[in-house]
PDB file of N, CA and C in Angstrom:
ATOM      1  N   MET A   1      39.008  39.458  45.265  1.00  0.00           N
ATOM      2  CA  MET A   1      38.537  38.958  44.125  1.00  0.00           C
ATOM      3  C   MET A   1      37.732  38.507  44.582  1.00  0.00           C
ATOM      4  N   ALA A   2      37.130  38.846  45.472  1.00  0.00           N
ATOM      5  CA  ALA A   2      35.852  38.200  46.298  1.00  0.00           C
ATOM      6  C   ALA A   2      34.233  38.245  45.546  1.00  0.00           C
ATOM      7  N   GLY A   3      33.771  37.413  45.315  1.00  0.00           N
ATOM      8  CA  GLY A   3      32.448  36.979  44.526  1.00  0.00           C
ATOM      9  C   GLY A   3      32.937  36.601  42.750  1.00  0.00           C
ATOM     10  N   LYS A   4      34.144  36.699  42.891  1.00  0.00           N
ATOM     11  CA  LYS A   4      35.003  35.848  41.120  1.00  0.00           C
ATOM     12  C   LYS A   4      34.669  34.509  41.180  1.00  0.00           C
ATOM     13  N   SER A   5      34.969  34.273  40.493  1.00  0.00           N
ATOM     14  CA  SER A   5      35.654  32.725  40.088  1.00  0.00           C
ATOM     15  C   SER A   5      36.937  33.394  39.651  1.00  0.00           C
ATOM     16  N   PRO A   6      38.290  32.171  40.322  1.00  0.00           N
ATOM     17  CA  PRO A   6      39.020  32.493  39.515  1.00  0.00           C
ATOM     18  C   PRO A   6      39.620  32.739  38.147  1.00  0.00           C
ATOM     19  N   LEU A   7      38.539  31.692  37.286  1.00  0.00           N
ATOM     20  CA  LEU A   7      38.329  32.030  36.067  1.00  0.00           C
ATOM     21  C   LEU A   7      38.000  33.107  35.119  1.00  0.00           C
ATOM     22  N   LYS A   8      37.082  33.490  35.983  1.00  0.00           N
ATOM     23  CA  LYS A   8      36.221  34.724  35.652  1.00  0.00           C
ATOM     24  C   LYS A   8      37.156  36.263  35.567  1.00  0.00           C
ATOM     25  N   ALA A   9      37.944  35.611  36.698  1.00  0.00           N
ATOM     26  CA  ALA A   9      38.626  36.899  36.752  1.00  0.00           C
ATOM     27  C   ALA A   9      39.699  36.756  35.833  1.00  0.00           C
ATOM     28  N   SER A  10      40.516  35.803  35.419  1.00  0.00           N
ATOM     29  CA  SER A  10      41.660  35.642  34.685  1.00  0.00           C
ATOM     30  C   SER A  10      41.257  35.529  33.378  1.00  0.00           C
ATOM     31  N   ALA A  11      40.073  35.236  32.926  1.00  0.00           N
ATOM     32  CA  ALA A  11      39.672  35.645  31.771  1.00  0.00           C
ATOM     33  C   ALA A  11      39.570  37.251  31.271  1.00  0.00           C
ATOM     34  N   GLU A  12      39.490  38.345  32.271  1.00  0.00           N
ATOM     35  CA  GLU A  12      39.139  39.592  32.398  1.00  0.00           C
ATOM     36  C   GLU A  12      40.744  39.823  31.959  1.00  0.00           C
ATOM     37  N   GLN A  13      41.642  39.015  32.412  1.00  0.00           N
ATOM     38  CA  GLN A  13      43.177  39.814  31.735  1.00  0.00           C
ATOM     39  C   GLN A  13      43.245  38.714  30.395  1.00  0.00           C
ATOM     40  N   GLY A  14      42.994  37.870  29.817  1.00  0.00           N
ATOM     41  CA  GLY A  14      43.186  37.450  28.605  1.00  0.00           C
ATOM     42  C   GLY A  14      43.147  38.368  27.821  1.00  0.00           C
ATOM     43  N   PRO A  15      43.371  37.824  26.176  1.00  0.00           N
ATOM     44  CA  PRO A  15      43.285  37.936  25.100  1.00  0.00           C
ATOM     45  C   PRO A  15      42.589  38.961  24.573  1.00  0.00           C
ATOM     46  N   LYS A  16      42.624  40.002  24.275  1.00  0.00           N
ATOM     47  CA  LYS A  16      41.751  41.376  23.271  1.00  0.00           C
ATOM     48  C   LYS A  16      42.353  41.368  22.175  1.00  0.00           C
ATOM     49  N   PRO A  17      40.691  41.308  21.271  1.00  0.00           N
ATOM     50  CA  PRO A  17      41.407  41.871  19.931  1.00  0.00           C
ATOM     51  C   PRO A  17      42.385  43.269  19.898  1.00  0.00           C
ATOM     52  N   GLY A  18      42.953  42.961  18.797  1.00  0.00           N
ATOM     53  CA  GLY A  18      43.456  44.147  19.089  1.00  0.00           C
ATOM     54  C   GLY A  18      45.166  44.604  20.050  1.00  0.00           C
ATOM     55  N   MET A  19      45.328  43.705  20.588  1.00  0.00           N
ATOM     56  CA  MET A  19      45.895  44.414  22.523  1.00  0.00           C
ATOM     57  C   MET A  19      46.961  43.016  22.586  1.00  0.00           C
ATOM     58  N   ALA A  20      48.074  43.350  22.688  1.00  0.00           N
ATOM     59  CA  ALA A  20      49.263  42.175  22.758  1.00  0.00           C
ATOM     60  C   ALA A  20      48.606  41.785  24.095  1.00  0.00           C
ATOM     61  N   THR A  21      49.000  40.286  23.807  1.00  0.00           N
ATOM     62  CA  THR A  21      49.049  39.225  24.834  1.00  0.00           C
ATOM     63  C   THR A  21      49.681  39.207  26.340  1.00  0.00           C
ATOM     64  N   LYS A  22      49.093  39.503  27.135  1.00  0.00           N
ATOM     65  CA  LYS A  22      50.159  39.407  28.179  1.00  0.00           C
ATOM     66  C   LYS A  22      49.905  38.311  29.338  1.00  0.00           C
ATOM     67  N   PRO A  23      50.840  37.488  29.388  1.00  0.00           N
ATOM     68  CA  PRO A  23      51.006  36.090  30.158  1.00  0.00           C
ATOM     69  C   PRO A  23      50.557  36.619  31.093  1.00  0.00           C
ATOM     70  N   VAL A  24      49.540  35.540  32.139  1.00  0.00           N
ATOM     71  CA  VAL A  24      48.986  35.871  33.423  1.00  0.00           C
ATOM     72  C   VAL A  24      49.484  34.080  34.363  1.00  0.00           C
ATOM     73  N   VAL A  25      49.563  34.481  35.615  1.00  0.00           N
ATOM     74  CA  VAL A  25      50.185  33.645  36.411  1.00  0.00           C
ATOM     75  C   VAL A  25      48.826  33.411  37.407  1.00  0.00           C
ATOM     76  N   LEU A  26      48.008  32.209  37.531  1.00  0.00           N
ATOM     77  CA  LEU A  26      47.202  32.147  38.366  1.00  0.00           C
ATOM     78  C   LEU A  26      47.924  31.110  39.787  1.00  0.00           C
ATOM     79  N   VAL A  27      47.713  31.165  40.801  1.00  0.00           N
ATOM     80  CA  VAL A  27      48.040  30.801  41.932  1.00  0.00           C
ATOM     81  C   VAL A  27      46.554  30.174  42.552  1.00  0.00           C
ATOM     82  N   LEU A  28      46.654  28.778  42.630  1.00  0.00           N
ATOM     83  CA  LEU A  28      45.591  27.873  42.853  1.00  0.00           C
ATOM     84  C   LEU A  28      45.658  27.251  44.094  1.00  0.00           C
ATOM     85  N   ASP A  29      44.859  26.662  45.083  1.00  0.00           N
ATOM     86  CA  ASP A  29      45.383  25.740  45.851  1.00  0.00           C
ATOM     87  C   ASP A  29      44.179  24.666  45.733  1.00  0.00           C
ATOM     88  N   ASN A  30      44.586  23.268  45.834  1.00  0.00           N
ATOM     89  CA  ASN A  30      43.625  22.409  45.663  1.00  0.00           C
ATOM     90  C   ASN A  30      42.330  22.037  46.172  1.00  0.00           C
ATOM     91  N   GLY A  31      41.862  22.954  46.255  1.00  0.00           N
ATOM     92  CA  GLY A  31      40.555  22.760  46.567  1.00  0.00           C
ATOM     93  C   GLY A  31      39.789  22.217  45.541  1.00  0.00           C
ATOM     94  N   PRO A  32      38.786  21.428  46.291  1.00  0.00           N
ATOM     95  CA  PRO A  32      37.749  20.384  45.251  1.00  0.00           C
ATOM     96  C   PRO A  32      37.403  21.174  43.958  1.00  0.00           C
ATOM     97  N   ILE A  33      37.021  22.386  43.812  1.00  0.00           N
ATOM     98  CA  ILE A  33      36.520  23.678  42.643  1.00  0.00           C
ATOM     99  C   ILE A  33      37.541  23.265  41.612  1.00  0.00           C
ATOM    100  N   HIS A  34      39.063  24.109  41.972  1.00  0.00           N
ATOM    101  CA  HIS A  34      39.909  24.200  41.300  1.00  0.00           C
ATOM    102  C   HIS A  34      40.507  22.855  41.058  1.00  0.00           C
ATOM    103  N   VAL A  35      40.157  21.630  41.131  1.00  0.00           N
ATOM    104  CA  VAL A  35      40.689  20.061  40.741  1.00  0.00           C
ATOM    105  C   VAL A  35      40.047  19.500  39.697  1.00  0.00           C
ATOM    106  N   SER A  36      38.783  20.228  39.612  1.00  0.00           N
ATOM    107  CA  SER A  36      36.938  19.913  39.035  1.00  0.00           C
ATOM    108  C   SER A  36      37.344  19.361  37.855  1.00  0.00           C
ATOM    109  N   LYS A  37      36.553  18.377  37.056  1.00  0.00           N
ATOM    110  CA  LYS A  37      37.035  18.480  35.505  1.00  0.00           C
ATOM    111  C   LYS A  37      36.703  20.263  34.644  1.00  0.00           C
ATOM    112  N   ALA A  38      35.395  20.321  35.006  1.00  0.00           N
ATOM    113  CA  ALA A  38      35.326  21.253  34.770  1.00  0.00           C
ATOM    114  C   ALA A  38      35.972  22.998  34.811  1.00  0.00           C
ATOM    115  N   THR A  39      37.088  22.877  36.062  1.00  0.00           N
ATOM    116  CA  THR A  39      38.442  24.154  36.312  1.00  0.00           C
ATOM    117  C   THR A  39      39.533  23.303  34.930  1.00  0.00           C
ATOM    118  N   SER A  40      39.518  21.498  35.332  1.00  0.00           N
ATOM    119  CA  SER A  40      40.590  21.755  34.129  1.00  0.00           C
ATOM    120  C   SER A  40      40.955  22.044  32.703  1.00  0.00           C
ATOM    121  N   ALA A  41      39.376  21.692  32.058  1.00  0.00           N
ATOM    122  CA  ALA A  41      38.858  21.838  30.788  1.00  0.00           C
ATOM    123  C   ALA A  41      39.090  23.200  30.532  1.00  0.00           C
ATOM    124  N   ALA A  42      38.966  24.414  31.470  1.00  0.00           N
ATOM    125  CA  ALA A  42      38.794  25.717  31.185  1.00  0.00           C
ATOM    126  C   ALA A  42      40.128  26.162  31.537  1.00  0.00           C
ATOM    127  N   LEU A  43      40.976  25.673  32.346  1.00  0.00           N
ATOM    128  CA  LEU A  43      42.644  26.108  32.769  1.00  0.00           C
ATOM    129  C   LEU A  43      43.484  25.431  31.043  1.00  0.00           C
ATOM    130  N   ALA A  44      42.956  24.150  30.863  1.00  0.00           N
ATOM    131  CA  ALA A  44      43.290  23.969  29.479  1.00  0.00           C
ATOM    132  C   ALA A  44      43.168  24.701  27.909  1.00  0.00           C
ATOM    133  N   ALA A  45      42.238  25.577  28.224  1.00  0.00           N
ATOM    134  CA  ALA A  45      41.840  26.483  26.900  1.00  0.00           C
ATOM    135  C   ALA A  45      42.104  27.386  27.123  1.00  0.00           C
ATOM    136  N   ARG A  46      43.035  27.604  28.177  1.00  0.00           N
ATOM    137  CA  ARG A  46      43.618  29.130  28.651  1.00  0.00           C
ATOM    138  C   ARG A  46      45.155  28.808  28.572  1.00  0.00           C
ATOM    139  N   ALA A  47      45.744  27.687  28.669  1.00  0.00           N
ATOM    140  CA  ALA A  47      47.092  27.542  28.434  1.00  0.00           C
ATOM    141  C   ALA A  47      47.815  28.193  27.371  1.00  0.00           C
ATOM    142  N   HIS A  48      47.604  28.721  26.591  1.00  0.00           N
ATOM    143  CA  HIS A  48      48.312  29.539  25.858  1.00  0.00           C
ATOM    144  C   HIS A  48      48.429  30.958  26.121  1.00  0.00           C
ATOM    145  N   TRP A  49      48.224  31.526  27.225  1.00  0.00           N
ATOM    146  CA  TRP A  49      48.286  32.398  28.127  1.00  0.00           C
ATOM    147  C   TRP A  49      48.400  32.731  29.502  1.00  0.00           C
ATOM    148  N   LEU A  50      47.440  31.270  29.992  1.00  0.00           N
ATOM    149  CA  LEU A  50      47.386  30.968  31.642  1.00  0.00           C
ATOM    150  C   LEU A  50      48.314  30.385  32.166  1.00  0.00           C
ATOM    151  N   THR A  51      48.747  30.590  33.257  1.00  0.00           N
ATOM    152  CA  THR A  51      50.294  30.024  33.766  1.00  0.00           C
ATOM    153  C   THR A  51      49.232  29.655  35.057  1.00  0.00           C
ATOM    154  N   VAL A  52      49.362  27.939  35.536  1.00  0.00           N
ATOM    155  CA  VAL A  52      48.769  27.865  37.379  1.00  0.00           C
ATOM    156  C   VAL A  52      50.193  27.386  37.689  1.00  0.00           C
ATOM    157  N   GLU A  53      49.621  27.907  38.329  1.00  0.00           N
ATOM    158  CA  GLU A  53      51.115  27.609  39.622  1.00  0.00           C
ATOM    159  C   GLU A  53      50.085  26.728  40.691  1.00  0.00           C
ATOM    160  N   TRP A  54      50.028  25.613  41.229  1.00  0.00           N
ATOM    161  CA  TRP A  54      49.689  25.066  42.567  1.00  0.00           C
ATOM    162  C   TRP A  54      49.554  25.112  43.686  1.00  0.00           C
ATOM    163  N   LEU A  55      49.577  25.537  45.151  1.00  0.00           N
ATOM    164  CA  LEU A  55      50.337  25.693  45.881  1.00  0.00           C
ATOM    165  C   LEU A  55      49.826  23.721  46.571  1.00  0.00           C
ATOM    166  N   PRO A  56      50.943  23.672  47.111  1.00  0.00           N
ATOM    167  CA  PRO A  56      51.250  22.237  47.648  1.00  0.00           C
ATOM    168  C   PRO A  56      49.637  22.004  48.277  1.00  0.00           C
ATOM    169  N   LYS A  57      49.557  20.655  48.489  1.00  0.00           N
ATOM    170  CA  LYS A  57      48.567  20.163  49.232  1.00  0.00           C
ATOM    171  C   LYS A  57      49.025  20.038  50.636  1.00  0.00           C
ATOM    172  N   TYR A  58      47.737  20.359  51.338  1.00  0.00           N
ATOM    173  CA  TYR A  58      47.683  20.317  52.834  1.00  0.00           C
ATOM    174  C   TYR A  58      48.715  21.496  53.375  1.00  0.00           C
ATOM    175  N   ALA A  59      48.916  22.644  52.611  1.00  0.00           N
ATOM    176  CA  ALA A  59      49.924  23.767  53.099  1.00  0.00           C
ATOM    177  C   ALA A  59      49.099  25.010  53.485  1.00  0.00           C
ATOM    178  N   PRO A  60      47.961  25.208  54.177  1.00  0.00           N
ATOM    179  CA  PRO A  60      47.395  25.941  54.230  1.00  0.00           C
ATOM    180  C   PRO A  60      47.959  27.477  54.995  1.00  0.00           C
ATOM    181  N   GLU A  61      49.050  27.614  54.978  1.00  0.00           N
ATOM    182  CA  GLU A  61      49.948  28.492  55.448  1.00  0.00           C
ATOM    183  C   GLU A  61      50.513  29.315  53.961  1.00  0.00           C
ATOM    184  N   LEU A  62      50.464  28.746  53.209  1.00  0.00           N
ATOM    185  CA  LEU A  62      50.631  29.330  51.867  1.00  0.00           C
ATOM    186  C   LEU A  62      49.038  30.052  51.212  1.00  0.00           C
ATOM    187  N   ASN A  63      48.175  30.230  51.535  1.00  0.00           N
ATOM    188  CA  ASN A  63      47.281  29.994  51.555  1.00  0.00           C
ATOM    189  C   ASN A  63      46.628  31.815  52.233  1.00  0.00           C
ATOM    190  N   ASP A  64      46.395  32.975  51.924  1.00  0.00           N
ATOM    191  CA  ASP A  64      46.273  33.903  53.089  1.00  0.00           C
ATOM    192  C   ASP A  64      45.048  33.981  53.032  1.00  0.00           C
ATOM    193  N   ILE A  65      43.671  33.558  52.473  1.00  0.00           N
ATOM    194  CA  ILE A  65      42.500  33.019  52.789  1.00  0.00           C
ATOM    195  C   ILE A  65      41.965  32.202  53.914  1.00  0.00           C
ATOM    196  N   GLU A  66      43.285  31.214  54.442  1.00  0.00           N
ATOM    197  CA  GLU A  66      43.151  30.293  55.303  1.00  0.00           C
ATOM    198  C   GLU A  66      43.397  31.083  56.777  1.00  0.00           C
ATOM    199  N   VAL A  67      43.879  31.711  56.584  1.00  0.00           N
ATOM    200  CA  VAL A  67      44.169  32.678  58.223  1.00  0.00           C
ATOM    201  C   VAL A  67      42.744  33.401  58.496  1.00  0.00           C
ATOM    202  N   VAL A  68      42.118  33.887  57.150  1.00  0.00           N
ATOM    203  CA  VAL A  68      40.703  34.889  57.097  1.00  0.00           C
ATOM    204  C   VAL A  68      39.188  33.893  58.017  1.00  0.00           C
ATOM    205  N   TRP A  69      39.816  32.728  57.178  1.00  0.00           N
ATOM    206  CA  TRP A  69      38.547  31.542  57.738  1.00  0.00           C
ATOM    207  C   TRP A  69      39.053  30.899  59.219  1.00  0.00           C
ATOM    208  N   HIS A  70      39.974  30.807  59.515  1.00  0.00           N
ATOM    209  CA  HIS A  70      40.516  30.847  60.945  1.00  0.00           C
ATOM    210  C   HIS A  70      40.315  31.978  61.719  1.00  0.00           C
ATOM    211  N   ASP A  71      40.244  32.635  61.734  1.00  0.00           N
ATOM    212  CA  ASP A  71      39.584  34.080  62.337  1.00  0.00           C
ATOM    213  C   ASP A  71      38.291  34.281  62.242  1.00  0.00           C
ATOM    214  N   LEU A  72      37.614  33.697  61.417  1.00  0.00           N
ATOM    215  CA  LEU A  72      36.365  33.892  61.292  1.00  0.00           C
ATOM    216  C   LEU A  72      35.720  33.063  61.999  1.00  0.00           C
ATOM    217  N   LYS A  73      36.197  31.733  61.946  1.00  0.00           N
ATOM    218  CA  LYS A  73      35.212  30.712  62.819  1.00  0.00           C
ATOM    219  C   LYS A  73      35.594  30.925  64.152  1.00  0.00           C
ATOM    220  N   ALA A  74      37.193  31.124  64.521  1.00  0.00           N
ATOM    221  CA  ALA A  74      37.199  31.130  66.053  1.00  0.00           C
ATOM    222  C   ALA A  74      37.053  32.336  66.894  1.00  0.00           C
ATOM    223  N   PHE A  75      37.073  33.363  65.956  1.00  0.00           N
ATOM    224  CA  PHE A  75      36.481  34.842  66.748  1.00  0.00           C
ATOM    225  C   PHE A  75      35.484  35.368  66.769  1.00  0.00           C
ATOM    226  N   ASN A  76      35.315  34.899  65.811  1.00  0.00           N
ATOM    227  CA  ASN A  76      33.529  36.172  64.660  1.00  0.00           C
ATOM    228  C   ASN A  76      32.480  35.203  65.224  1.00  0.00           C
ATOM    229  N   LEU A  77      32.747  33.796  64.455  1.00  0.00           N
ATOM    230  CA  LEU A  77      31.485  33.365  64.491  1.00  0.00           C
ATOM    231  C   LEU A  77      31.347  31.767  65.640  1.00  0.00           C
ATOM    232  N   ALA A  78      32.100  31.620  66.441  1.00  0.00           N
ATOM    233  CA  ALA A  78      32.156  30.890  67.245  1.00  0.00           C
ATOM    234  C   ALA A  78      31.555  30.941  68.500  1.00  0.00           C
ATOM    235  N   HIS A  79      30.463  29.660  68.743  1.00  0.00           N
ATOM    236  CA  HIS A  79      29.626  29.911  69.369  1.00  0.00           C
ATOM    237  C   HIS A  79      28.608  30.269  69.526  1.00  0.00           C
ATOM    238  N   LYS A  80      27.958  30.792  68.295  1.00  0.00           N
ATOM    239  CA  LYS A  80      26.771  31.894  67.661  1.00  0.00           C
ATOM    240  C   LYS A  80      25.926  30.581  67.365  1.00  0.00           C
ATOM    241  N   THR A  81      25.026  30.178  67.747  1.00  0.00           N
ATOM    242  CA  THR A  81      23.504  29.574  66.702  1.00  0.00           C
ATOM    243  C   THR A  81      22.794  30.696  65.831  1.00  0.00           C
ATOM    244  N   PHE A  82      22.410  30.449  64.586  1.00  0.00           N
ATOM    245  CA  PHE A  82      22.410  30.899  63.559  1.00  0.00           C
ATOM    246  C   PHE A  82      21.047  30.338  63.104  1.00  0.00           C
ATOM    247  N   THR A  83      19.886  31.322  63.265  1.00  0.00           N
ATOM    248  CA  THR A  83      18.211  30.793  62.758  1.00  0.00           C
ATOM    249  C   THR A  83      17.791  30.044  61.060  1.00  0.00           C
ATOM    250  N   ASP A  84      19.126  30.840  60.693  1.00  0.00           N
ATOM    251  CA  ASP A  84      18.517  30.530  59.174  1.00  0.00           C
ATOM    252  C   ASP A  84      19.887  30.937  58.477  1.00  0.00           C
ATOM    253  N   VAL A  85      19.890  30.944  56.886  1.00  0.00           N
ATOM    254  CA  VAL A  85      20.864  31.032  56.358  1.00  0.00           C
ATOM    255  C   VAL A  85      21.406  32.998  56.226  1.00  0.00           C
ATOM    256  N   ASP A  86      19.900  33.268  55.819  1.00  0.00           N
ATOM    257  CA  ASP A  86      20.676  35.031  55.620  1.00  0.00           C
ATOM    258  C   ASP A  86      21.267  35.246  57.124  1.00  0.00           C
ATOM    259  N   THR A  87      20.619  34.789  58.159  1.00  0.00           N
ATOM    260  CA  THR A  87      21.745  35.499  59.169  1.00  0.00           C
ATOM    261  C   THR A  87      22.698  34.797  59.457  1.00  0.00           C
ATOM    262  N   LEU A  88      23.077  34.277  58.604  1.00  0.00           N
ATOM    263  CA  LEU A  88      24.617  33.667  58.795  1.00  0.00           C
ATOM    264  C   LEU A  88      25.386  34.286  57.676  1.00  0.00           C
ATOM    265  N   ASP A  89      24.511  34.591  56.629  1.00  0.00           N
ATOM    266  CA  ASP A  89      25.006  35.316  55.863  1.00  0.00           C
ATOM    267  C   ASP A  89      25.498  36.957  56.211  1.00  0.00           C
ATOM    268  N   ALA A  90      24.748  37.298  56.875  1.00  0.00           N
ATOM    269  CA  ALA A  90      25.044  38.960  57.155  1.00  0.00           C
ATOM    270  C   ALA A  90      25.734  38.341  58.161  1.00  0.00           C
ATOM    271  N   ALA A  91      26.216  37.706  59.038  1.00  0.00           N
ATOM    272  CA  ALA A  91      27.044  37.662  59.993  1.00  0.00           C
ATOM    273  C   ALA A  91      28.196  37.373  59.879  1.00  0.00           C
ATOM    274  N   ILE A  92      28.781  36.721  58.458  1.00  0.00           N
ATOM    275  CA  ILE A  92      29.390  36.290  57.622  1.00  0.00           C
ATOM    276  C   ILE A  92      30.410  37.973  57.063  1.00  0.00           C
ATOM    277  N   HIS A  93      29.573  38.462  56.293  1.00  0.00           N
ATOM    278  CA  HIS A  93      29.524  39.994  56.000  1.00  0.00           C
ATOM    279  C   HIS A  93      30.099  40.881  56.865  1.00  0.00           C
ATOM    280  N   SER A  94      28.974  40.848  58.087  1.00  0.00           N
ATOM    281  CA  SER A  94      30.137  41.736  58.867  1.00  0.00           C
ATOM    282  C   SER A  94      30.873  41.299  60.075  1.00  0.00           C
ATOM    283  N   ALA A  95      30.946  40.249  59.420  1.00  0.00           N
ATOM    284  CA  ALA A  95      32.788  39.613  60.399  1.00  0.00           C
ATOM    285  C   ALA A  95      33.598  40.186  59.442  1.00  0.00           C
ATOM    286  N   VAL A  96      33.418  40.064  58.312  1.00  0.00           N
ATOM    287  CA  VAL A  96      34.281  40.281  56.934  1.00  0.00           C
ATOM    288  C   VAL A  96      34.905  41.815  57.126  1.00  0.00           C
ATOM    289  N   ALA A  97      33.943  42.303  57.321  1.00  0.00           N
ATOM    290  CA  ALA A  97      33.863  44.050  57.589  1.00  0.00           C
ATOM    291  C   ALA A  97      34.769  44.489  58.703  1.00  0.00           C
ATOM    292  N   ASP A  98      34.521  44.103  59.469  1.00  0.00           N
ATOM    293  CA  ASP A  98      35.306  44.154  60.798  1.00  0.00           C
ATOM    294  C   ASP A  98      36.557  43.975  60.530  1.00  0.00           C
ATOM    295  N   LEU A  99      37.013  42.555  59.923  1.00  0.00           N
ATOM    296  CA  LEU A  99      37.938  41.748  59.656  1.00  0.00           C
ATOM    297  C   LEU A  99      38.862  43.282  58.879  1.00  0.00           C
ATOM    298  N   ASN A 100      38.179  43.911  57.648  1.00  0.00           N
ATOM    299  CA  ASN A 100      39.237  44.130  57.185  1.00  0.00           C
ATOM    300  C   ASN A 100      39.199  45.767  57.253  1.00  0.00           C
ATOM    301  N   THR A 101      38.425  46.105  58.152  1.00  0.00           N
ATOM    302  CA  THR A 101      38.415  47.484  58.863  1.00  0.00           C
ATOM    303  C   THR A 101      40.152  47.362  60.257  1.00  0.00           C
ATOM    304  N   GLU A 102      39.920  46.038  61.033  1.00  0.00           N
ATOM    305  CA  GLU A 102      40.500  46.409  61.877  1.00  0.00           C
ATOM    306  C   GLU A 102      42.185  46.044  61.186  1.00  0.00           C
ATOM    307  N   ARG A 103      42.683  45.329  59.940  1.00  0.00           N
ATOM    308  CA  ARG A 103      43.648  44.691  59.259  1.00  0.00           C
ATOM    309  C   ARG A 103      44.421  46.444  58.225  1.00  0.00           C
ATOM    310  N   ASN A 104      43.032  47.470  58.067  1.00  0.00           N
ATOM    311  CA  ASN A 104      43.558  48.187  57.554  1.00  0.00           C
ATOM    312  C   ASN A 104      43.700  50.027  57.996  1.00  0.00           C
ATOM    313  N   ARG A 105      44.117  49.930  59.890  1.00  0.00           N
ATOM    314  CA  ARG A 105      43.545  50.631  60.640  1.00  0.00           C
ATOM    315  C   ARG A 105      44.850  51.276  60.206  1.00  0.00           C
ATOM    316  N   ASP A 106      46.017  50.765  59.783  1.00  0.00           N
ATOM    317  CA  ASP A 106      47.307  51.809  59.273  1.00  0.00           C
ATOM    318  C   ASP A 106      47.235  52.090  57.822  1.00  0.00           C
ATOM    319  N   LEU A 107      46.790  53.169  57.906  1.00  0.00           N
ATOM    320  CA  LEU A 107      46.472  54.131  56.332  1.00  0.00           C
ATOM    321  C   LEU A 107      47.787  54.142  55.626  1.00  0.00           C
ATOM    322  N   LEU A 108      49.184  54.347  55.875  1.00  0.00           N
ATOM    323  CA  LEU A 108      49.993  54.264  55.303  1.00  0.00           C
ATOM    324  C   LEU A 108      50.968  53.019  55.132  1.00  0.00           C
ATOM    325  N   GLY A 109      50.007  51.692  55.842  1.00  0.00           N
ATOM    326  CA  GLY A 109      50.702  50.175  55.511  1.00  0.00           C
ATOM    327  C   GLY A 109      50.246  49.756  54.575  1.00  0.00           C
ATOM    328  N   LYS A 110      50.764  48.448  54.311  1.00  0.00           N
ATOM    329  CA  LYS A 110      50.353  47.887  53.004  1.00  0.00           C
ATOM    330  C   LYS A 110      48.617  47.412  52.783  1.00  0.00           C
ATOM    331  N   GLN A 111      47.484  47.950  51.825  1.00  0.00           N
ATOM    332  CA  GLN A 111      46.350  47.779  52.320  1.00  0.00           C
ATOM    333  C   GLN A 111      46.217  45.895  52.398  1.00  0.00           C
ATOM    334  N   ARG A 112      45.134  45.372  53.225  1.00  0.00           N
ATOM    335  CA  ARG A 112      45.328  43.874  52.406  1.00  0.00           C
ATOM    336  C   ARG A 112      43.387  43.678  53.079  1.00  0.00           C
ATOM    337  N   ILE A 113      42.997  42.782  51.819  1.00  0.00           N
ATOM    338  CA  ILE A 113      41.440  42.919  52.512  1.00  0.00           C
ATOM    339  C   ILE A 113      41.382  41.310  52.146  1.00  0.00           C
ATOM    340  N   SER A 114      40.459  40.963  53.353  1.00  0.00           N
ATOM    341  CA  SER A 114      40.306  39.573  53.661  1.00  0.00           C
ATOM    342  C   SER A 114      39.490  39.150  52.713  1.00  0.00           C
ATOM    343  N   ALA A 115      38.283  39.419  52.551  1.00  0.00           N
ATOM    344  CA  ALA A 115      37.352  38.824  51.404  1.00  0.00           C
ATOM    345  C   ALA A 115      37.243  39.179  50.139  1.00  0.00           C
TER     346      ALA A 115
END
């Protein structure tokens, strides 16, 4: 779901005219954007078809992306200095691509996308 907010992604699964409504379960951590007033209002407006399951606070082991952030910070971006935001952005995209390649080497195994 890279590049999409959870609510935009969930809206794609929401009710459509002439089609049966399917319930959707969205799992969110307690990040600031997920508990903001705007997000709370958007979730409430979709409550008739969207169920939100909240991860416990301070449980990064339950959030797959935390492993990716750790790998990026500890192994791919550590001890490097970036001259500007564009250079940092390029380094992050390159590191994510490398992690995806590394994690998808077993072509018969379960595919896992980092971000």
